[in-house]
Amino acid sequence: YEVSYVLPGTSFQIEVHVGLFNSDSKAFQNMNDLFC
C-alpha cells in the first residue's frame, strides 16, 4: 500500500501511498474506509 522512492546522491526519500493503511492486515483493514 506504500512504495518508497529515493533521490540518488541525497537523503531525500518519499513514500507514495495508494492506501493510508495496510488493508491486508486484519488490524488496519477497515481504516482506509474512514478516508474515502
PDB file of all heavy atoms in Angstrom:
ATOM      1  N   TYR A   1       0.822  -1.213   0.000  1.00  0.00           N
ATOM      2  CA  TYR A   1       0.000   0.000   0.000  1.00  0.00           C
ATOM      3  C   TYR A   1       0.852   1.258   0.000  1.00  0.00           C
ATOM      4  O   TYR A   1       0.351   2.367  -0.166  1.00  0.00           O
ATOM      5  CB  TYR A   1      -0.937   0.005   1.204  1.00  0.00           C
ATOM      6  CG  TYR A   1      -0.260   0.255   2.539  1.00  0.00           C
ATOM      7  CD1 TYR A   1      -0.336   1.496   3.158  1.00  0.00           C
ATOM      8  CD2 TYR A   1       0.472  -0.747   3.179  1.00  0.00           C
ATOM      9  CE1 TYR A   1       0.280   1.742   4.364  1.00  0.00           C
ATOM     10  CE2 TYR A   1       1.079  -0.525   4.395  1.00  0.00           C
ATOM     11  CZ  TYR A   1       0.991   0.716   4.984  1.00  0.00           C
ATOM     12  OH  TYR A   1       1.607   0.941   6.193  1.00  0.00           O
ATOM     13  N   GLU A   2       2.168   1.103   0.187  1.00  0.00           N
ATOM     14  CA  GLU A   2       3.082   2.235   0.154  1.00  0.00           C
ATOM     15  C   GLU A   2       4.359   1.814  -0.562  1.00  0.00           C
ATOM     16  O   GLU A   2       4.854   0.701  -0.365  1.00  0.00           O
ATOM     17  CB  GLU A   2       3.387   2.752   1.560  1.00  0.00           C
ATOM     18  CG  GLU A   2       3.988   1.714   2.474  1.00  0.00           C
ATOM     19  CD  GLU A   2       4.230   2.221   3.880  1.00  0.00           C
ATOM     20  OE1 GLU A   2       3.795   3.335   4.192  1.00  0.00           O
ATOM     21  OE2 GLU A   2       4.866   1.487   4.660  1.00  0.00           O
ATOM     22  N   VAL A   3       4.881   2.702  -1.386  1.00  0.00           N
ATOM     23  CA  VAL A   3       6.074   2.413  -2.178  1.00  0.00           C
ATOM     24  C   VAL A   3       7.048   3.567  -1.999  1.00  0.00           C
ATOM     25  O   VAL A   3       6.658   4.740  -2.089  1.00  0.00           O
ATOM     26  CB  VAL A   3       5.726   2.244  -3.668  1.00  0.00           C
ATOM     27  CG1 VAL A   3       6.981   1.919  -4.475  1.00  0.00           C
ATOM     28  CG2 VAL A   3       4.677   1.150  -3.859  1.00  0.00           C
ATOM     29  N   SER A   4       8.313   3.248  -1.740  1.00  0.00           N
ATOM     30  CA  SER A   4       9.311   4.272  -1.429  1.00  0.00           C
ATOM     31  C   SER A   4      10.213   4.563  -2.619  1.00  0.00           C
ATOM     32  O   SER A   4      10.646   3.649  -3.336  1.00  0.00           O
ATOM     33  CB  SER A   4      10.174   3.819  -0.242  1.00  0.00           C
ATOM     34  OG  SER A   4       9.385   3.654   0.917  1.00  0.00           O
ATOM     35  N   TYR A   5      10.496   5.844  -2.799  1.00  0.00           N
ATOM     36  CA  TYR A   5      11.441   6.306  -3.815  1.00  0.00           C
ATOM     37  C   TYR A   5      12.514   7.145  -3.128  1.00  0.00           C
ATOM     38  O   TYR A   5      12.239   7.849  -2.149  1.00  0.00           O
ATOM     39  CB  TYR A   5      10.735   7.161  -4.862  1.00  0.00           C
ATOM     40  CG  TYR A   5       9.853   6.402  -5.818  1.00  0.00           C
ATOM     41  CD1 TYR A   5       8.559   6.015  -5.443  1.00  0.00           C
ATOM     42  CD2 TYR A   5      10.293   6.083  -7.100  1.00  0.00           C
ATOM     43  CE1 TYR A   5       7.737   5.322  -6.334  1.00  0.00           C
ATOM     44  CE2 TYR A   5       9.468   5.399  -7.989  1.00  0.00           C
ATOM     45  CZ  TYR A   5       8.198   5.017  -7.604  1.00  0.00           C
ATOM     46  OH  TYR A   5       7.392   4.325  -8.474  1.00  0.00           O
ATOM     47  N   VAL A   6      13.727   7.107  -3.675  1.00  0.00           N
ATOM     48  CA  VAL A   6      14.828   7.893  -3.134  1.00  0.00           C
ATOM     49  C   VAL A   6      15.474   8.675  -4.267  1.00  0.00           C
ATOM     50  O   VAL A   6      15.477   8.228  -5.419  1.00  0.00           O
ATOM     51  CB  VAL A   6      15.869   6.976  -2.439  1.00  0.00           C
ATOM     52  CG1 VAL A   6      16.522   6.031  -3.439  1.00  0.00           C
ATOM     53  CG2 VAL A   6      16.911   7.800  -1.687  1.00  0.00           C
ATOM     54  N   LEU A   7      15.974   9.857  -3.951  1.00  0.00           N
ATOM     55  CA  LEU A   7      16.694  10.664  -4.929  1.00  0.00           C
ATOM     56  C   LEU A   7      18.175  10.330  -4.803  1.00  0.00           C
ATOM     57  O   LEU A   7      18.787  10.620  -3.764  1.00  0.00           O
ATOM     58  CB  LEU A   7      16.463  12.154  -4.668  1.00  0.00           C
ATOM     59  CG  LEU A   7      17.027  13.131  -5.707  1.00  0.00           C
ATOM     60  CD1 LEU A   7      16.379  12.900  -7.079  1.00  0.00           C
ATOM     61  CD2 LEU A   7      16.815  14.570  -5.264  1.00  0.00           C
ATOM     62  N   PRO A   8      18.761   9.684  -5.802  1.00  0.00           N
ATOM     63  CA  PRO A   8      20.163   9.233  -5.701  1.00  0.00           C
ATOM     64  C   PRO A   8      21.118  10.366  -5.343  1.00  0.00           C
ATOM     65  O   PRO A   8      20.965  11.502  -5.807  1.00  0.00           O
ATOM     66  CB  PRO A   8      20.458   8.687  -7.113  1.00  0.00           C
ATOM     67  CG  PRO A   8      19.121   8.301  -7.657  1.00  0.00           C
ATOM     68  CD  PRO A   8      18.157   9.315  -7.104  1.00  0.00           C
ATOM     69  N   GLY A   9      22.078  10.031  -4.490  1.00  0.00           N
ATOM     70  CA  GLY A   9      23.078  11.011  -4.074  1.00  0.00           C
ATOM     71  C   GLY A   9      22.610  11.944  -2.986  1.00  0.00           C
ATOM     72  O   GLY A   9      23.343  12.864  -2.596  1.00  0.00           O
ATOM     73  N   THR A  10      21.376  11.741  -2.485  1.00  0.00           N
ATOM     74  CA  THR A  10      20.828  12.567  -1.417  1.00  0.00           C
ATOM     75  C   THR A  10      20.178  11.662  -0.365  1.00  0.00           C
ATOM     76  O   THR A  10      20.072  10.452  -0.553  1.00  0.00           O
ATOM     77  CB  THR A  10      19.762  13.547  -1.943  1.00  0.00           C
ATOM     78  OG1 THR A  10      18.537  12.826  -2.190  1.00  0.00           O
ATOM     79  CG2 THR A  10      20.212  14.225  -3.225  1.00  0.00           C
ATOM     80  N   SER A  11      19.741  12.262   0.710  1.00  0.00           N
ATOM     81  CA  SER A  11      18.995  11.530   1.736  1.00  0.00           C
ATOM     82  C   SER A  11      17.494  11.674   1.551  1.00  0.00           C
ATOM     83  O   SER A  11      16.710  11.188   2.372  1.00  0.00           O
ATOM     84  CB  SER A  11      19.388  12.023   3.140  1.00  0.00           C
ATOM     85  OG  SER A  11      19.114  13.415   3.259  1.00  0.00           O
ATOM     86  N   PHE A  12      17.072  12.325   0.468  1.00  0.00           N
ATOM     87  CA  PHE A  12      15.651  12.597   0.259  1.00  0.00           C
ATOM     88  C   PHE A  12      14.914  11.340  -0.175  1.00  0.00           C
ATOM     89  O   PHE A  12      15.284  10.691  -1.156  1.00  0.00           O
ATOM     90  CB  PHE A  12      15.472  13.690  -0.791  1.00  0.00           C
ATOM     91  CG  PHE A  12      14.027  13.954  -1.133  1.00  0.00           C
ATOM     92  CD1 PHE A  12      13.120  14.328  -0.149  1.00  0.00           C
ATOM     93  CD2 PHE A  12      13.569  13.824  -2.443  1.00  0.00           C
ATOM     94  CE1 PHE A  12      11.788  14.577  -0.451  1.00  0.00           C
ATOM     95  CE2 PHE A  12      12.245  14.073  -2.763  1.00  0.00           C
ATOM     96  CZ  PHE A  12      11.355  14.444  -1.763  1.00  0.00           C
ATOM     97  N   GLN A  13      13.848  11.026   0.551  1.00  0.00           N
ATOM     98  CA  GLN A  13      13.038   9.849   0.260  1.00  0.00           C
ATOM     99  C   GLN A  13      11.571  10.209   0.368  1.00  0.00           C
ATOM    100  O   GLN A  13      11.176  11.029   1.197  1.00  0.00           O
ATOM    101  CB  GLN A  13      13.381   8.713   1.237  1.00  0.00           C
ATOM    102  CG  GLN A  13      12.692   7.391   0.936  1.00  0.00           C
ATOM    103  CD  GLN A  13      13.330   6.224   1.675  1.00  0.00           C
ATOM    104  OE1 GLN A  13      14.539   6.060   1.667  1.00  0.00           O
ATOM    105  NE2 GLN A  13      12.513   5.418   2.321  1.00  0.00           N
ATOM    106  N   ILE A  14      10.764   9.591  -0.484  1.00  0.00           N
ATOM    107  CA  ILE A  14       9.336   9.853  -0.477  1.00  0.00           C
ATOM    108  C   ILE A  14       8.598   8.526  -0.482  1.00  0.00           C
ATOM    109  O   ILE A  14       9.048   7.549  -1.086  1.00  0.00           O
ATOM    110  CB  ILE A  14       8.929  10.723  -1.693  1.00  0.00           C
ATOM    111  CG1 ILE A  14       7.479  11.201  -1.561  1.00  0.00           C
ATOM    112  CG2 ILE A  14       9.140   9.998  -3.005  1.00  0.00           C
ATOM    113  CD1 ILE A  14       7.110  12.276  -2.563  1.00  0.00           C
ATOM    114  N   GLU A  15       7.479   8.472   0.244  1.00  0.00           N
ATOM    115  CA  GLU A  15       6.623   7.296   0.237  1.00  0.00           C
ATOM    116  C   GLU A  15       5.326   7.635  -0.484  1.00  0.00           C
ATOM    117  O   GLU A  15       4.632   8.586  -0.115  1.00  0.00           O
ATOM    118  CB  GLU A  15       6.330   6.809   1.658  1.00  0.00           C
ATOM    119  CG  GLU A  15       7.490   6.079   2.298  1.00  0.00           C
ATOM    120  CD  GLU A  15       7.080   5.285   3.539  1.00  0.00           C
ATOM    121  OE1 GLU A  15       5.981   5.539   4.065  1.00  0.00           O
ATOM    122  OE2 GLU A  15       7.861   4.432   3.972  1.00  0.00           O
ATOM    123  N   VAL A  16       5.028   6.859  -1.495  1.00  0.00           N
ATOM    124  CA  VAL A  16       3.805   7.037  -2.272  1.00  0.00           C
ATOM    125  C   VAL A  16       2.773   6.057  -1.740  1.00  0.00           C
ATOM    126  O   VAL A  16       2.974   4.844  -1.777  1.00  0.00           O
ATOM    127  CB  VAL A  16       4.054   6.788  -3.771  1.00  0.00           C
ATOM    128  CG1 VAL A  16       2.769   7.005  -4.561  1.00  0.00           C
ATOM    129  CG2 VAL A  16       5.166   7.689  -4.285  1.00  0.00           C
ATOM    130  N   HIS A  17       1.668   6.591  -1.239  1.00  0.00           N
ATOM    131  CA  HIS A  17       0.619   5.759  -0.645  1.00  0.00           C
ATOM    132  C   HIS A  17      -0.533   5.593  -1.617  1.00  0.00           C
ATOM    133  O   HIS A  17      -1.162   6.577  -2.017  1.00  0.00           O
ATOM    134  CB  HIS A  17       0.092   6.397   0.650  1.00  0.00           C
ATOM    135  CG  HIS A  17       1.051   6.366   1.784  1.00  0.00           C
ATOM    136  ND1 HIS A  17       0.916   5.506   2.842  1.00  0.00           N
ATOM    137  CD2 HIS A  17       2.182   7.093   2.025  1.00  0.00           C
ATOM    138  CE1 HIS A  17       1.905   5.701   3.702  1.00  0.00           C
ATOM    139  NE2 HIS A  17       2.685   6.661   3.213  1.00  0.00           N
ATOM    140  N   VAL A  18      -0.816   4.340  -1.983  1.00  0.00           N
ATOM    141  CA  VAL A  18      -2.053   4.048  -2.696  1.00  0.00           C
ATOM    142  C   VAL A  18      -3.159   3.731  -1.693  1.00  0.00           C
ATOM    143  O   VAL A  18      -4.339   3.662  -2.038  1.00  0.00           O
ATOM    144  CB  VAL A  18      -1.869   2.887  -3.690  1.00  0.00           C
ATOM    145  CG1 VAL A  18      -0.872   3.285  -4.768  1.00  0.00           C
ATOM    146  CG2 VAL A  18      -1.388   1.620  -2.984  1.00  0.00           C
ATOM    147  N   GLY A  19      -2.766   3.538  -0.456  1.00  0.00           N
ATOM    148  CA  GLY A  19      -3.671   3.395   0.682  1.00  0.00           C
ATOM    149  C   GLY A  19      -2.996   4.006   1.886  1.00  0.00           C
ATOM    150  O   GLY A  19      -1.768   4.045   1.966  1.00  0.00           O
ATOM    151  N   LEU A  20      -3.772   4.507   2.821  1.00  0.00           N
ATOM    152  CA  LEU A  20      -3.173   5.125   4.008  1.00  0.00           C
ATOM    153  C   LEU A  20      -2.765   4.086   5.044  1.00  0.00           C
ATOM    154  O   LEU A  20      -1.850   4.311   5.833  1.00  0.00           O
ATOM    155  CB  LEU A  20      -4.153   6.124   4.621  1.00  0.00           C
ATOM    156  CG  LEU A  20      -4.404   7.371   3.776  1.00  0.00           C
ATOM    157  CD1 LEU A  20      -5.544   8.197   4.365  1.00  0.00           C
ATOM    158  CD2 LEU A  20      -3.139   8.220   3.661  1.00  0.00           C
ATOM    159  N   PHE A  21      -3.459   2.936   5.033  1.00  0.00           N
ATOM    160  CA  PHE A  21      -3.153   1.854   5.964  1.00  0.00           C
ATOM    161  C   PHE A  21      -3.146   0.530   5.207  1.00  0.00           C
ATOM    162  O   PHE A  21      -3.719   0.417   4.118  1.00  0.00           O
ATOM    163  CB  PHE A  21      -4.178   1.817   7.112  1.00  0.00           C
ATOM    164  CG  PHE A  21      -4.180   3.049   7.955  1.00  0.00           C
ATOM    165  CD1 PHE A  21      -5.034   4.104   7.672  1.00  0.00           C
ATOM    166  CD2 PHE A  21      -3.297   3.175   9.012  1.00  0.00           C
ATOM    167  CE1 PHE A  21      -5.030   5.258   8.434  1.00  0.00           C
ATOM    168  CE2 PHE A  21      -3.273   4.332   9.777  1.00  0.00           C
ATOM    169  CZ  PHE A  21      -4.137   5.378   9.493  1.00  0.00           C
ATOM    170  N   ASN A  22      -2.490  -0.438   5.781  1.00  0.00           N
ATOM    171  CA  ASN A  22      -2.336  -1.743   5.147  1.00  0.00           C
ATOM    172  C   ASN A  22      -3.644  -2.526   5.221  1.00  0.00           C
ATOM    173  O   ASN A  22      -3.993  -3.075   6.263  1.00  0.00           O
ATOM    174  CB  ASN A  22      -1.203  -2.512   5.819  1.00  0.00           C
ATOM    175  CG  ASN A  22      -0.930  -3.842   5.141  1.00  0.00           C
ATOM    176  OD1 ASN A  22      -1.501  -4.155   4.098  1.00  0.00           O
ATOM    177  ND2 ASN A  22      -0.037  -4.638   5.728  1.00  0.00           N
ATOM    178  N   SER A  23      -4.360  -2.587   4.119  1.00  0.00           N
ATOM    179  CA  SER A  23      -5.653  -3.279   4.115  1.00  0.00           C
ATOM    180  C   SER A  23      -5.507  -4.791   4.179  1.00  0.00           C
ATOM    181  O   SER A  23      -6.487  -5.509   4.388  1.00  0.00           O
ATOM    182  CB  SER A  23      -6.451  -2.896   2.862  1.00  0.00           C
ATOM    183  OG  SER A  23      -5.734  -3.214   1.690  1.00  0.00           O
ATOM    184  N   ASP A  24      -4.286  -5.309   4.001  1.00  0.00           N
ATOM    185  CA  ASP A  24      -4.052  -6.754   4.126  1.00  0.00           C
ATOM    186  C   ASP A  24      -3.937  -7.190   5.583  1.00  0.00           C
ATOM    187  O   ASP A  24      -3.959  -8.383   5.875  1.00  0.00           O
ATOM    188  CB  ASP A  24      -2.776  -7.157   3.374  1.00  0.00           C
ATOM    189  CG  ASP A  24      -2.924  -7.002   1.874  1.00  0.00           C
ATOM    190  OD1 ASP A  24      -4.064  -7.119   1.396  1.00  0.00           O
ATOM    191  OD2 ASP A  24      -1.912  -6.771   1.189  1.00  0.00           O
ATOM    192  N   SER A  25      -3.774  -6.220   6.479  1.00  0.00           N
ATOM    193  CA  SER A  25      -3.670  -6.523   7.906  1.00  0.00           C
ATOM    194  C   SER A  25      -5.053  -6.458   8.541  1.00  0.00           C
ATOM    195  O   SER A  25      -5.772  -5.467   8.365  1.00  0.00           O
ATOM    196  CB  SER A  25      -2.730  -5.533   8.598  1.00  0.00           C
ATOM    197  OG  SER A  25      -2.824  -5.633  10.002  1.00  0.00           O
ATOM    198  N   LYS A  26      -5.419  -7.489   9.267  1.00  0.00           N
ATOM    199  CA  LYS A  26      -6.733  -7.519   9.909  1.00  0.00           C
ATOM    200  C   LYS A  26      -6.902  -6.355  10.870  1.00  0.00           C
ATOM    201  O   LYS A  26      -8.006  -5.823  11.046  1.00  0.00           O
ATOM    202  CB  LYS A  26      -6.919  -8.843  10.648  1.00  0.00           C
ATOM    203  CG  LYS A  26      -8.320  -9.028  11.241  1.00  0.00           C
ATOM    204  CD  LYS A  26      -8.468 -10.383  11.914  1.00  0.00           C
ATOM    205  CE  LYS A  26      -9.862 -10.538  12.526  1.00  0.00           C
ATOM    206  NZ  LYS A  26     -10.009 -11.842  13.224  1.00  0.00           N
ATOM    207  N   ALA A  27      -5.802  -5.933  11.498  1.00  0.00           N
ATOM    208  CA  ALA A  27      -5.884  -4.841  12.474  1.00  0.00           C
ATOM    209  C   ALA A  27      -6.232  -3.509  11.822  1.00  0.00           C
ATOM    210  O   ALA A  27      -6.883  -2.663  12.433  1.00  0.00           O
ATOM    211  CB  ALA A  27      -4.564  -4.728  13.226  1.00  0.00           C
ATOM    212  N   PHE A  28      -5.819  -3.305  10.571  1.00  0.00           N
ATOM    213  CA  PHE A  28      -5.957  -1.990   9.945  1.00  0.00           C
ATOM    214  C   PHE A  28      -6.821  -1.994   8.695  1.00  0.00           C
ATOM    215  O   PHE A  28      -6.965  -0.966   8.043  1.00  0.00           O
ATOM    216  CB  PHE A  28      -4.567  -1.450   9.574  1.00  0.00           C
ATOM    217  CG  PHE A  28      -3.561  -1.555  10.679  1.00  0.00           C
ATOM    218  CD1 PHE A  28      -2.423  -2.338  10.530  1.00  0.00           C
ATOM    219  CD2 PHE A  28      -3.745  -0.888  11.873  1.00  0.00           C
ATOM    220  CE1 PHE A  28      -1.498  -2.457  11.556  1.00  0.00           C
ATOM    221  CE2 PHE A  28      -2.833  -0.993  12.907  1.00  0.00           C
ATOM    222  CZ  PHE A  28      -1.697  -1.778  12.748  1.00  0.00           C
ATOM    223  N   GLN A  29      -7.405  -3.143   8.357  1.00  0.00           N
ATOM    224  CA  GLN A  29      -8.029  -3.284   7.043  1.00  0.00           C
ATOM    225  C   GLN A  29      -9.214  -2.353   6.812  1.00  0.00           C
ATOM    226  O   GLN A  29      -9.531  -2.025   5.662  1.00  0.00           O
ATOM    227  CB  GLN A  29      -8.461  -4.733   6.828  1.00  0.00           C
ATOM    228  CG  GLN A  29      -9.469  -5.256   7.842  1.00  0.00           C
ATOM    229  CD  GLN A  29      -9.742  -6.750   7.669  1.00  0.00           C
ATOM    230  OE1 GLN A  29      -9.238  -7.375   6.760  1.00  0.00           O
ATOM    231  NE2 GLN A  29     -10.534  -7.302   8.568  1.00  0.00           N
ATOM    232  N   ASN A  30      -9.893  -1.910   7.864  1.00  0.00           N
ATOM    233  CA  ASN A  30     -11.067  -1.051   7.687  1.00  0.00           C
ATOM    234  C   ASN A  30     -10.764   0.440   7.838  1.00  0.00           C
ATOM    235  O   ASN A  30     -11.655   1.274   7.638  1.00  0.00           O
ATOM    236  CB  ASN A  30     -12.153  -1.445   8.687  1.00  0.00           C
ATOM    237  CG  ASN A  30     -12.667  -2.863   8.444  1.00  0.00           C
ATOM    238  OD1 ASN A  30     -12.818  -3.278   7.292  1.00  0.00           O
ATOM    239  ND2 ASN A  30     -12.924  -3.597   9.524  1.00  0.00           N
ATOM    240  N   MET A  31      -9.519   0.780   8.206  1.00  0.00           N
ATOM    241  CA  MET A  31      -9.209   2.184   8.460  1.00  0.00           C
ATOM    242  C   MET A  31      -9.250   3.030   7.206  1.00  0.00           C
ATOM    243  O   MET A  31      -9.619   4.211   7.246  1.00  0.00           O
ATOM    244  CB  MET A  31      -7.850   2.302   9.150  1.00  0.00           C
ATOM    245  CG  MET A  31      -7.855   1.810  10.592  1.00  0.00           C
ATOM    246  SD  MET A  31      -6.278   2.094  11.423  1.00  0.00           S
ATOM    247  CE  MET A  31      -6.639   1.413  13.060  1.00  0.00           C
ATOM    248  N   ASN A  32      -8.884   2.461   6.060  1.00  0.00           N
ATOM    249  CA  ASN A  32      -8.915   3.244   4.822  1.00  0.00           C
ATOM    250  C   ASN A  32     -10.321   3.719   4.488  1.00  0.00           C
ATOM    251  O   ASN A  32     -10.503   4.762   3.850  1.00  0.00           O
ATOM    252  CB  ASN A  32      -8.354   2.420   3.661  1.00  0.00           C
ATOM    253  CG  ASN A  32      -6.842   2.270   3.733  1.00  0.00           C
ATOM    254  OD1 ASN A  32      -6.142   3.215   4.066  1.00  0.00           O
ATOM    255  ND2 ASN A  32      -6.351   1.080   3.443  1.00  0.00           N
ATOM    256  N   ASP A  33     -11.337   2.959   4.935  1.00  0.00           N
ATOM    257  CA  ASP A  33     -12.723   3.342   4.646  1.00  0.00           C
ATOM    258  C   ASP A  33     -13.108   4.662   5.311  1.00  0.00           C
ATOM    259  O   ASP A  33     -14.070   5.320   4.902  1.00  0.00           O
ATOM    260  CB  ASP A  33     -13.687   2.246   5.119  1.00  0.00           C
ATOM    261  CG  ASP A  33     -13.508   0.942   4.350  1.00  0.00           C
ATOM    262  OD1 ASP A  33     -12.953   0.991   3.235  1.00  0.00           O
ATOM    263  OD2 ASP A  33     -13.901  -0.114   4.876  1.00  0.00           O
ATOM    264  N   LEU A  34     -12.361   5.042   6.344  1.00  0.00           N
ATOM    265  CA  LEU A  34     -12.656   6.291   7.053  1.00  0.00           C
ATOM    266  C   LEU A  34     -12.160   7.519   6.293  1.00  0.00           C
ATOM    267  O   LEU A  34     -12.408   8.647   6.708  1.00  0.00           O
ATOM    268  CB  LEU A  34     -12.020   6.261   8.446  1.00  0.00           C
ATOM    269  CG  LEU A  34     -12.493   5.135   9.378  1.00  0.00           C
ATOM    270  CD1 LEU A  34     -11.682   5.132  10.670  1.00  0.00           C
ATOM    271  CD2 LEU A  34     -13.975   5.291   9.687  1.00  0.00           C
ATOM    272  N   PHE A  35     -11.453   7.285   5.185  1.00  0.00           N
ATOM    273  CA  PHE A  35     -10.862   8.391   4.431  1.00  0.00           C
ATOM    274  C   PHE A  35     -11.307   8.372   2.972  1.00  0.00           C
ATOM    275  O   PHE A  35     -10.576   8.796   2.080  1.00  0.00           O
ATOM    276  CB  PHE A  35      -9.330   8.299   4.506  1.00  0.00           C
ATOM    277  CG  PHE A  35      -8.781   8.432   5.899  1.00  0.00           C
ATOM    278  CD1 PHE A  35      -8.590   7.305   6.689  1.00  0.00           C
ATOM    279  CD2 PHE A  35      -8.478   9.670   6.426  1.00  0.00           C
ATOM    280  CE1 PHE A  35      -8.086   7.416   7.975  1.00  0.00           C
ATOM    281  CE2 PHE A  35      -7.980   9.794   7.709  1.00  0.00           C
ATOM    282  CZ  PHE A  35      -7.790   8.660   8.498  1.00  0.00           C
ATOM    283  N   CYS A  36     -12.519   7.915   2.733  1.00  0.00           N
ATOM    284  CA  CYS A  36     -12.983   7.751   1.348  1.00  0.00           C
ATOM    285  C   CYS A  36     -13.207   9.084   0.641  1.00  0.00           C
ATOM    286  O   CYS A  36     -13.239   9.141  -0.594  1.00  0.00           O
ATOM    287  CB  CYS A  36     -14.246   6.891   1.308  1.00  0.00           C
ATOM    288  SG  CYS A  36     -15.594   7.498   2.332  1.00  0.00           S
TER     289      CYS A  36
END
